[in-house]
PDB file of N, CA and C in Angstrom:
ATOM      1  N   MET A   1      35.427  14.387 -12.538  1.00  0.00           N
ATOM      2  CA  MET A   1      35.067  15.483 -12.362  1.00  0.00           C
ATOM      3  C   MET A   1      35.125  16.181 -11.674  1.00  0.00           C
ATOM      4  N   LYS A   2      35.620  17.164 -11.845  1.00  0.00           N
ATOM      5  CA  LYS A   2      35.812  18.416 -10.565  1.00  0.00           C
ATOM      6  C   LYS A   2      34.831  18.897 -10.430  1.00  0.00           C
ATOM      7  N   MET A   3      34.857  19.004  -8.672  1.00  0.00           N
ATOM      8  CA  MET A   3      33.418  19.181  -8.102  1.00  0.00           C
ATOM      9  C   MET A   3      33.824  19.988  -7.239  1.00  0.00           C
ATOM     10  N   THR A   4      32.830  21.358  -7.111  1.00  0.00           N
ATOM     11  CA  THR A   4      33.394  22.800  -6.133  1.00  0.00           C
ATOM     12  C   THR A   4      33.027  22.719  -5.181  1.00  0.00           C
ATOM     13  N   LYS A   5      33.026  23.387  -4.193  1.00  0.00           N
ATOM     14  CA  LYS A   5      32.977  23.263  -2.837  1.00  0.00           C
ATOM     15  C   LYS A   5      31.331  23.182  -2.957  1.00  0.00           C
ATOM     16  N   ARG A   6      30.447  23.747  -3.064  1.00  0.00           N
ATOM     17  CA  ARG A   6      29.005  23.749  -2.990  1.00  0.00           C
ATOM     18  C   ARG A   6      28.629  22.728  -3.611  1.00  0.00           C
ATOM     19  N   ASP A   7      28.803  21.633  -4.913  1.00  0.00           N
ATOM     20  CA  ASP A   7      28.691  20.484  -5.484  1.00  0.00           C
ATOM     21  C   ASP A   7      29.325  19.500  -3.845  1.00  0.00           C
ATOM     22  N   ILE A   8      30.368  19.924  -4.066  1.00  0.00           N
ATOM     23  CA  ILE A   8      30.504  18.242  -2.106  1.00  0.00           C
ATOM     24  C   ILE A   8      29.787  18.374  -1.627  1.00  0.00           C
ATOM     25  N   ALA A   9      29.334  19.809  -0.993  1.00  0.00           N
ATOM     26  CA  ALA A   9      28.528  19.618   0.017  1.00  0.00           C
ATOM     27  C   ALA A   9      27.219  19.065   0.083  1.00  0.00           C
ATOM     28  N   GLY A  10      26.608  19.675  -1.731  1.00  0.00           N
ATOM     29  CA  GLY A  10      25.619  18.488  -2.226  1.00  0.00           C
ATOM     30  C   GLY A  10      25.694  17.461  -2.053  1.00  0.00           C
ATOM     31  N   TYR A  11      26.478  17.389  -2.615  1.00  0.00           N
ATOM     32  CA  TYR A  11      26.690  15.480  -2.426  1.00  0.00           C
ATOM     33  C   TYR A  11      26.995  14.937  -1.002  1.00  0.00           C
ATOM     34  N   LEU A  12      27.633  15.456  -0.123  1.00  0.00           N
ATOM     35  CA  LEU A  12      27.883  15.159   1.145  1.00  0.00           C
ATOM     36  C   LEU A  12      26.216  15.536   2.461  1.00  0.00           C
ATOM     37  N   GLY A  13      25.600  16.310   1.985  1.00  0.00           N
ATOM     38  CA  GLY A  13      24.119  16.584   1.956  1.00  0.00           C
ATOM     39  C   GLY A  13      24.874  17.724   2.982  1.00  0.00           C
ATOM     40  N   ILE A  14      25.574  18.166   3.294  1.00  0.00           N
ATOM     41  CA  ILE A  14      24.768  19.142   4.313  1.00  0.00           C
ATOM     42  C   ILE A  14      25.228  20.730   3.607  1.00  0.00           C
ATOM     43  N   ASP A  15      25.265  21.890   4.361  1.00  0.00           N
ATOM     44  CA  ASP A  15      25.383  23.531   4.282  1.00  0.00           C
ATOM     45  C   ASP A  15      26.672  23.283   3.073  1.00  0.00           C
ATOM     46  N   TYR A  16      26.938  24.409   2.449  1.00  0.00           N
ATOM     47  CA  TYR A  16      28.433  24.644   2.271  1.00  0.00           C
ATOM     48  C   TYR A  16      29.311  25.198   2.723  1.00  0.00           C
ATOM     49  N   LYS A  17      28.157  26.261   3.685  1.00  0.00           N
ATOM     50  CA  LYS A  17      29.159  26.778   4.855  1.00  0.00           C
ATOM     51  C   LYS A  17      29.604  26.250   5.896  1.00  0.00           C
ATOM     52  N   THR A  18      29.329  25.158   6.197  1.00  0.00           N
ATOM     53  CA  THR A  18      29.314  23.724   6.948  1.00  0.00           C
ATOM     54  C   THR A  18      31.262  23.038   6.556  1.00  0.00           C
ATOM     55  N   LEU A  19      30.888  22.696   5.120  1.00  0.00           N
ATOM     56  CA  LEU A  19      32.313  22.963   4.546  1.00  0.00           C
ATOM     57  C   LEU A  19      33.573  23.424   4.428  1.00  0.00           C
ATOM     58  N   PHE A  20      33.364  24.889   4.214  1.00  0.00           N
ATOM     59  CA  PHE A  20      34.377  26.040   4.802  1.00  0.00           C
ATOM     60  C   PHE A  20      34.402  26.120   6.306  1.00  0.00           C
ATOM     61  N   ASN A  21      33.806  25.958   7.044  1.00  0.00           N
ATOM     62  CA  ASN A  21      33.998  25.969   8.440  1.00  0.00           C
ATOM     63  C   ASN A  21      34.740  25.149   8.767  1.00  0.00           C
ATOM     64  N   TRP A  22      34.383  23.475   7.997  1.00  0.00           N
ATOM     65  CA  TRP A  22      35.688  22.509   8.561  1.00  0.00           C
ATOM     66  C   TRP A  22      37.216  22.704   8.323  1.00  0.00           C
ATOM     67  N   GLU A  23      36.252  22.786   6.960  1.00  0.00           N
ATOM     68  CA  GLU A  23      38.533  23.305   6.410  1.00  0.00           C
ATOM     69  C   GLU A  23      38.893  24.177   7.707  1.00  0.00           C
ATOM     70  N   LYS A  24      38.029  25.459   7.953  1.00  0.00           N
ATOM     71  CA  LYS A  24      38.912  26.219   8.677  1.00  0.00           C
ATOM     72  C   LYS A  24      39.553  25.882  10.113  1.00  0.00           C
ATOM     73  N   ASP A  25      38.011  25.514  10.835  1.00  0.00           N
ATOM     74  CA  ASP A  25      37.790  25.221  11.714  1.00  0.00           C
ATOM     75  C   ASP A  25      38.112  22.908  12.739  1.00  0.00           C
ATOM     76  N   ARG A  26      38.042  22.344  11.456  1.00  0.00           N
ATOM     77  CA  ARG A  26      38.355  21.362  11.736  1.00  0.00           C
ATOM     78  C   ARG A  26      38.999  20.242  10.457  1.00  0.00           C
ATOM     79  N   PRO A  27      40.777  20.726  10.246  1.00  0.00           N
ATOM     80  CA  PRO A  27      41.511  20.419   8.724  1.00  0.00           C
ATOM     81  C   PRO A  27      41.558  19.595   8.703  1.00  0.00           C
ATOM     82  N   ASN A  28      41.026  18.306   9.723  1.00  0.00           N
ATOM     83  CA  ASN A  28      41.907  16.603   9.977  1.00  0.00           C
ATOM     84  C   ASN A  28      40.364  16.913   8.958  1.00  0.00           C
ATOM     85  N   LEU A  29      39.337  16.941   9.244  1.00  0.00           N
ATOM     86  CA  LEU A  29      38.187  16.321   9.077  1.00  0.00           C
ATOM     87  C   LEU A  29      38.137  16.787   7.353  1.00  0.00           C
ATOM     88  N   TYR A  30      38.405  17.956   7.486  1.00  0.00           N
ATOM     89  CA  TYR A  30      38.023  17.841   5.682  1.00  0.00           C
ATOM     90  C   TYR A  30      39.097  17.561   4.717  1.00  0.00           C
ATOM     91  N   LYS A  31      40.248  17.338   5.371  1.00  0.00           N
ATOM     92  CA  LYS A  31      41.381  16.749   4.455  1.00  0.00           C
ATOM     93  C   LYS A  31      40.701  15.409   4.218  1.00  0.00           C
ATOM     94  N   THR A  32      40.596  14.728   5.161  1.00  0.00           N
ATOM     95  CA  THR A  32      39.927  12.968   5.462  1.00  0.00           C
ATOM     96  C   THR A  32      38.703  13.304   4.083  1.00  0.00           C
ATOM     97  N   VAL A  33      38.005  14.040   4.646  1.00  0.00           N
ATOM     98  CA  VAL A  33      36.454  14.169   3.207  1.00  0.00           C
ATOM     99  C   VAL A  33      37.620  14.328   1.732  1.00  0.00           C
ATOM    100  N   MET A  34      37.811  15.055   1.878  1.00  0.00           N
ATOM    101  CA  MET A  34      38.547  15.950   0.400  1.00  0.00           C
ATOM    102  C   MET A  34      39.814  14.402  -0.129  1.00  0.00           C
ATOM    103  N   LEU A  35      40.695  13.897   1.099  1.00  0.00           N
ATOM    104  CA  LEU A  35      41.603  12.536   0.151  1.00  0.00           C
ATOM    105  C   LEU A  35      40.402  11.276  -0.328  1.00  0.00           C
ATOM    106  N   GLY A  36      39.115  11.458   0.556  1.00  0.00           N
ATOM    107  CA  GLY A  36      38.309  10.079   0.322  1.00  0.00           C
ATOM    108  C   GLY A  36      37.289  10.513  -1.187  1.00  0.00           C
ATOM    109  N   LEU A  37      37.100  11.843  -1.224  1.00  0.00           N
ATOM    110  CA  LEU A  37      36.558  12.004  -3.003  1.00  0.00           C
ATOM    111  C   LEU A  37      37.290  12.368  -4.104  1.00  0.00           C
ATOM    112  N   MET A  38      38.530  12.392  -3.294  1.00  0.00           N
ATOM    113  CA  MET A  38      40.406  12.178  -4.511  1.00  0.00           C
ATOM    114  C   MET A  38      39.765  10.233  -4.693  1.00  0.00           C
ATOM    115  N   VAL A  39      39.858  10.122  -3.784  1.00  0.00           N
ATOM    116  CA  VAL A  39      40.192   8.499  -4.411  1.00  0.00           C
ATOM    117  C   VAL A  39      39.017   7.649  -4.928  1.00  0.00           C
ATOM    118  N   ASP A  40      37.619   8.203  -4.930  1.00  0.00           N
ATOM    119  CA  ASP A  40      36.970   7.542  -5.886  1.00  0.00           C
ATOM    120  C   ASP A  40      37.270   8.167  -7.141  1.00  0.00           C
ATOM    121  N   GLU A  41      37.668   9.185  -7.172  1.00  0.00           N
ATOM    122  CA  GLU A  41      37.505   9.926  -8.400  1.00  0.00           C
ATOM    123  C   GLU A  41      38.541   9.233  -8.888  1.00  0.00           C
ATOM    124  N   ILE A  42      39.923   8.502  -8.247  1.00  0.00           N
ATOM    125  CA  ILE A  42      40.841   8.012  -8.945  1.00  0.00           C
ATOM    126  C   ILE A  42      40.049   6.645  -9.362  1.00  0.00           C
ATOM    127  N   ILE A  43      39.755   5.887  -8.353  1.00  0.00           N
ATOM    128  CA  ILE A  43      39.272   4.572  -9.017  1.00  0.00           C
ATOM    129  C   ILE A  43      38.197   4.170 -10.061  1.00  0.00           C
ATOM    130  N   GLU A  44      37.057   5.354 -10.172  1.00  0.00           N
ATOM    131  CA  GLU A  44      36.724   6.012 -11.424  1.00  0.00           C
ATOM    132  C   GLU A  44      37.156   5.757 -12.872  1.00  0.00           C
ATOM    133  N   LYS A  45      37.795   6.807 -12.255  1.00  0.00           N
ATOM    134  CA  LYS A  45      39.484   6.708 -13.853  1.00  0.00           C
ATOM    135  C   LYS A  45      39.796   5.694 -13.962  1.00  0.00           C
ATOM    136  N   ASN A  46      40.310   4.794 -13.569  1.00  0.00           N
ATOM    137  CA  ASN A  46      41.225   3.736 -13.593  1.00  0.00           C
ATOM    138  C   ASN A  46      40.411   3.213 -13.920  1.00  0.00           C
ATOM    139  N   GLU A  47      38.973   2.266 -13.340  1.00  0.00           N
ATOM    140  CA  GLU A  47      38.109   1.512 -13.840  1.00  0.00           C
ATOM    141  C   GLU A  47      37.457   1.832 -15.189  1.00  0.00           C
ATOM    142  N   LYS A  48      37.696   3.342 -15.689  1.00  0.00           N
ATOM    143  CA  LYS A  48      37.283   3.443 -17.098  1.00  0.00           C
ATOM    144  C   LYS A  48      38.859   2.723 -18.054  1.00  0.00           C
ATOM    145  N   SER A  49      39.603   3.886 -17.368  1.00  0.00           N
ATOM    146  CA  SER A  49      41.538   3.341 -17.996  1.00  0.00           C
ATOM    147  C   SER A  49      41.336   1.752 -18.353  1.00  0.00           C
ATOM    148  N   LEU A  50      40.852   0.796 -17.854  1.00  0.00           N
ATOM    149  CA  LEU A  50      40.395  -0.394 -18.040  1.00  0.00           C
ATOM    150  C   LEU A  50      39.918  -1.045 -18.549  1.00  0.00           C
ATOM    151  N   HIS A  51      38.357  -0.383 -18.559  1.00  0.00           N
ATOM    152  CA  HIS A  51      37.365  -0.813 -19.484  1.00  0.00           C
ATOM    153  C   HIS A  51      38.266  -0.221 -21.107  1.00  0.00           C
ATOM    154  N   GLU A  52      38.397   1.116 -21.199  1.00  0.00           N
ATOM    155  CA  GLU A  52      39.013   1.253 -22.939  1.00  0.00           C
ATOM    156  C   GLU A  52      40.289   0.163 -22.811  1.00  0.00           C
ATOM    157  N   LEU A  53      41.006  -0.184 -22.618  1.00  0.00           N
ATOM    158  CA  LEU A  53      41.762  -1.039 -22.505  1.00  0.00           C
ATOM    159  C   LEU A  53      42.063  -2.489 -22.586  1.00  0.00           C
ATOM    160  N   LYS A  54      40.512  -3.184 -22.165  1.00  0.00           N
ATOM    161  CA  LYS A  54      40.440  -4.323 -22.316  1.00  0.00           C
ATOM    162  C   LYS A  54      39.584  -3.912 -23.656  1.00  0.00           C
ATOM    163  N   GLU A  55      39.010  -3.225 -24.097  1.00  0.00           N
ATOM    164  CA  GLU A  55      38.468  -3.040 -25.951  1.00  0.00           C
ATOM    165  C   GLU A  55      39.554  -2.831 -26.460  1.00  0.00           C
ATOM    166  N   LEU A  56      39.890  -2.406 -26.367  1.00  0.00           N
ATOM    167  CA  LEU A  56      41.608  -2.023 -27.017  1.00  0.00           C
ATOM    168  C   LEU A  56      42.205  -3.556 -27.067  1.00  0.00           C
ATOM    169  N   LYS A  57      42.279  -4.397 -26.309  1.00  0.00           N
ATOM    170  CA  LYS A  57      42.796  -5.582 -26.307  1.00  0.00           C
ATOM    171  C   LYS A  57      41.818  -6.406 -27.315  1.00  0.00           C
ATOM    172  N   GLU A  58      40.508  -6.280 -27.411  1.00  0.00           N
ATOM    173  CA  GLU A  58      39.356  -7.384 -27.609  1.00  0.00           C
ATOM    174  C   GLU A  58      39.636  -6.893 -29.415  1.00  0.00           C
ATOM    175  N   SER A  59      39.544  -5.788 -29.733  1.00  0.00           N
ATOM    176  CA  SER A  59      40.165  -5.390 -31.003  1.00  0.00           C
ATOM    177  C   SER A  59      40.949  -5.540 -31.946  1.00  0.00           C
ATOM    178  N   PHE A  60      41.771  -5.733 -30.830  1.00  0.00           N
ATOM    179  CA  PHE A  60      42.909  -6.250 -31.814  1.00  0.00           C
ATOM    180  C   PHE A  60      43.278  -7.524 -31.216  1.00  0.00           C
ATOM    181  N   SER A  61      42.585  -8.096 -30.963  1.00  0.00           N
ATOM    182  CA  SER A  61      42.635  -9.495 -30.624  1.00  0.00           C
ATOM    183  C   SER A  61      42.046 -10.254 -32.327  1.00  0.00           C
ATOM    184  N   ILE A  62      40.870  -9.735 -32.032  1.00  0.00           N
ATOM    185  CA  ILE A  62      39.795 -10.071 -33.226  1.00  0.00           C
ATOM    186  C   ILE A  62      40.759  -9.775 -34.614  1.00  0.00           C
ATOM    187  N   LYS A  63      41.453  -8.483 -34.231  1.00  0.00           N
ATOM    188  CA  LYS A  63      42.545  -8.283 -35.579  1.00  0.00           C
ATOM    189  C   LYS A  63      43.473  -9.228 -35.771  1.00  0.00           C
ATOM    190  N   LYS A  64      44.282  -9.766 -34.779  1.00  0.00           N
ATOM    191  CA  LYS A  64      45.006 -10.909 -35.215  1.00  0.00           C
ATOM    192  C   LYS A  64      44.100 -11.544 -35.503  1.00  0.00           C
ATOM    193  N   GLN A  65      43.473 -12.251 -35.225  1.00  0.00           N
ATOM    194  CA  GLN A  65      42.612 -13.680 -35.499  1.00  0.00           C
ATOM    195  C   GLN A  65      42.733 -13.862 -37.060  1.00  0.00           C
ATOM    196  N   THR A  66      41.691 -12.656 -38.107  1.00  0.00           N
ATOM    197  CA  THR A  66      41.309 -12.943 -38.819  1.00  0.00           C
ATOM    198  C   THR A  66      42.648 -12.315 -39.910  1.00  0.00           C
ATOM    199  N   ALA A  67      44.016 -12.361 -39.150  1.00  0.00           N
ATOM    200  CA  ALA A  67      45.024 -11.958 -40.156  1.00  0.00           C
ATOM    201  C   ALA A  67      45.370 -13.150 -40.444  1.00  0.00           C
ATOM    202  N   PHE A  68      45.545 -14.071 -39.663  1.00  0.00           N
ATOM    203  CA  PHE A  68      46.221 -15.686 -40.273  1.00  0.00           C
ATOM    204  C   PHE A  68      45.324 -16.350 -40.337  1.00  0.00           C
TER     205      PHE A  68
END
């Protein structure tokens, strides 16, 4: 899910202007926060994909067993 800067600020419990100030005045902090959020999003997507793959495998295994 793509979050706006306002969404990110709310998630972090800070004013959205603080996030803009970090981007301008503390770029390393801003990059670290953004990378952390990206990692969380990637992990969530991969967990969903893994779940879907397991369901597909289970579905295929059931069909394979009934075919023999």
